[in-house]
Protein backbone atom coordinates (compact mmCIF):
# COMPACT_ATOMS: atom_id res chain seq x y z
CA MET A 1 62.52 135.11 -22.31
CA LYS A 2 64.11 132.57 -24.37
CA ILE A 3 62.66 129.08 -24.59
CA LYS A 4 65.71 127.68 -22.88
CA GLN A 5 65.30 130.04 -19.94
CA ILE A 6 61.63 129.23 -19.61
CA LYS A 7 62.40 125.53 -19.49
CA SER A 8 65.02 126.15 -16.87
CA VAL A 9 62.60 128.06 -14.61
CA PHE A 10 59.92 125.40 -15.26
CA ASN A 11 62.47 122.72 -14.19
CA ILE A 12 63.36 124.53 -10.98
CA TRP A 13 59.70 125.09 -10.22
CA ARG A 14 59.06 121.34 -10.62
CA LEU A 15 62.05 120.51 -8.32
CA LEU A 16 60.68 122.84 -5.62
CA LEU A 17 57.09 121.42 -5.66
CA PRO A 18 57.68 118.25 -3.60
CA PHE A 19 59.57 120.39 -0.92
CA LEU A 20 56.73 122.89 -0.88
CA TYR A 21 54.24 120.02 -0.56
CA ILE A 22 55.97 118.62 2.51
CA PHE A 23 56.26 122.04 4.18
CA ILE A 24 52.60 122.78 3.54
CA LEU A 25 51.46 119.29 4.75
CA VAL A 26 53.40 119.72 8.03
CA HIS A 27 52.01 123.24 8.52
CA PHE A 28 48.52 122.08 7.70
CA LEU A 29 48.76 119.23 10.29
CA LYS A 30 50.05 121.85 12.81
CA ASP A 31 47.09 124.11 12.07
CA ILE A 32 44.71 121.22 12.65
CA THR A 33 46.23 120.08 15.95
CA GLN A 34 46.99 123.53 17.30
CA ASP A 35 44.13 125.75 16.08
CA ILE A 36 41.22 123.39 15.64
CA LEU A 37 41.76 120.44 18.00
CA LYS A 38 43.74 122.47 20.65
CA ILE A 39 46.14 119.62 21.13
CA SER A 40 49.75 120.39 22.03
CA THR A 41 52.16 118.49 19.77
CA PRO A 42 55.83 118.87 18.69
CA LEU A 43 54.39 120.46 15.50
CA ASP A 44 53.59 123.56 17.62
CA LEU A 45 57.19 124.66 17.30
CA PHE A 46 56.82 124.73 13.53
CA GLY A 47 55.77 128.19 12.42
CA ASP A 48 54.25 129.15 15.78
CA VAL A 49 53.55 132.81 15.36
CA LYS A 50 51.52 134.58 18.08
CA GLU A 51 50.37 137.75 16.45
CA ASP A 52 49.06 140.55 18.67
CA ILE A 53 46.07 142.21 16.95
CA SER A 54 44.63 143.70 20.07
CA PHE A 55 44.97 147.22 18.60
CA LEU A 56 42.37 146.29 16.00
CA SER A 57 38.59 146.62 16.65
CA LYS A 58 36.69 143.46 17.57
CA PRO A 59 35.12 143.12 14.03
CA LEU A 60 38.58 143.53 12.41
CA GLN A 61 40.07 140.88 14.82
CA ILE A 62 37.26 138.49 13.80
CA ILE A 63 37.95 139.22 10.11
CA PHE A 64 41.69 138.66 10.61
CA TYR A 65 41.32 135.34 12.48
CA TYR A 66 38.34 133.72 10.83
CA GLY A 67 38.54 135.45 7.42
CA LEU A 68 42.23 135.66 6.54
CA GLY A 69 43.25 132.80 8.78
CA GLY A 70 40.46 130.63 7.60
CA LEU A 71 41.32 131.44 4.02
CA SER A 72 44.96 130.39 4.57
CA PHE A 73 43.65 127.06 5.97
CA VAL A 74 41.52 126.59 2.88
CA ILE A 75 44.41 127.54 0.63
CA GLU A 76 46.65 125.03 2.40
CA ALA A 77 44.09 122.33 1.78
CA PHE A 78 43.79 123.32 -1.90
CA LEU A 79 47.56 123.18 -2.31
CA LEU A 80 47.68 119.75 -0.81
CA ILE A 81 45.32 118.54 -3.57
CA ALA A 82 46.64 120.61 -6.40
CA ILE A 83 50.46 120.19 -6.11
CA PRO A 84 50.34 116.39 -6.75
CA LYS A 85 48.21 116.99 -9.78
CA ILE A 86 50.73 119.53 -11.11
CA ILE A 87 53.72 117.23 -10.45
CA ARG A 88 52.04 114.59 -12.69
CA ARG A 89 51.52 116.94 -15.51
CA ARG A 90 54.07 117.80 -18.20
CA GLN A 91 52.85 121.17 -19.17
CA VAL A 92 51.96 124.49 -17.45
CA SER A 93 48.30 124.85 -16.67
CA PHE A 94 45.95 127.37 -15.08
CA LEU A 95 46.14 125.24 -11.98
CA GLU A 96 49.81 126.11 -11.55
CA LYS A 97 48.87 129.81 -11.62
CA LEU A 98 46.38 129.23 -8.83
CA VAL A 99 49.02 127.40 -6.89
CA ILE A 100 51.48 130.20 -7.33
CA GLY A 101 48.80 132.62 -6.12
CA GLY A 102 48.03 130.51 -3.12
CA ILE A 103 51.73 130.27 -2.22
CA LEU A 104 52.07 134.03 -2.57
CA TYR A 105 49.03 134.61 -0.33
CA LEU A 106 50.54 132.35 2.38
CA LEU A 107 53.80 134.04 2.21
CA VAL A 108 52.29 137.47 2.57
CA PHE A 109 50.00 136.29 5.44
CA LEU A 110 53.02 134.69 7.19
CA ALA A 111 54.98 137.91 6.83
CA ILE A 112 52.15 139.99 8.19
CA CYS A 113 51.53 137.63 11.21
CA THR A 114 55.27 137.53 11.92
CA LEU A 115 55.39 141.38 11.88
CA LEU A 116 52.45 141.46 14.34
CA ASP A 117 54.15 138.96 16.72
CA PRO A 118 55.66 141.08 19.64
CA ARG A 119 58.66 138.61 19.77
CA TYR A 120 59.73 139.66 16.34
CA LYS A 121 59.51 143.48 16.61
CA LEU A 122 62.01 145.26 14.30
């Protein structure tokens, strides 16, 4: 890639970060209220996927909910801390690679959960 193209991608990435931060913050608050506190709020409408994993064995269900779901919660918390640090920096760092990896994990996890939701069967 040419340096001009790299700078262009870098600038687009920097423009997207505040929007990603807001999206992750709202989803994180929804996770806390809905999944941990079991409180019904208007945030429940935001990303409310009800995956059906009853076809999995009990140990795999536990791994899915507490392992993969718990990891997504931890990644969201990490992103809420890391994104503001990245926004303040002027150069690409290893932290940005971790953030990109975390965002990709959340996107894959969301896609899998959505595919497991009976309301969204293809």
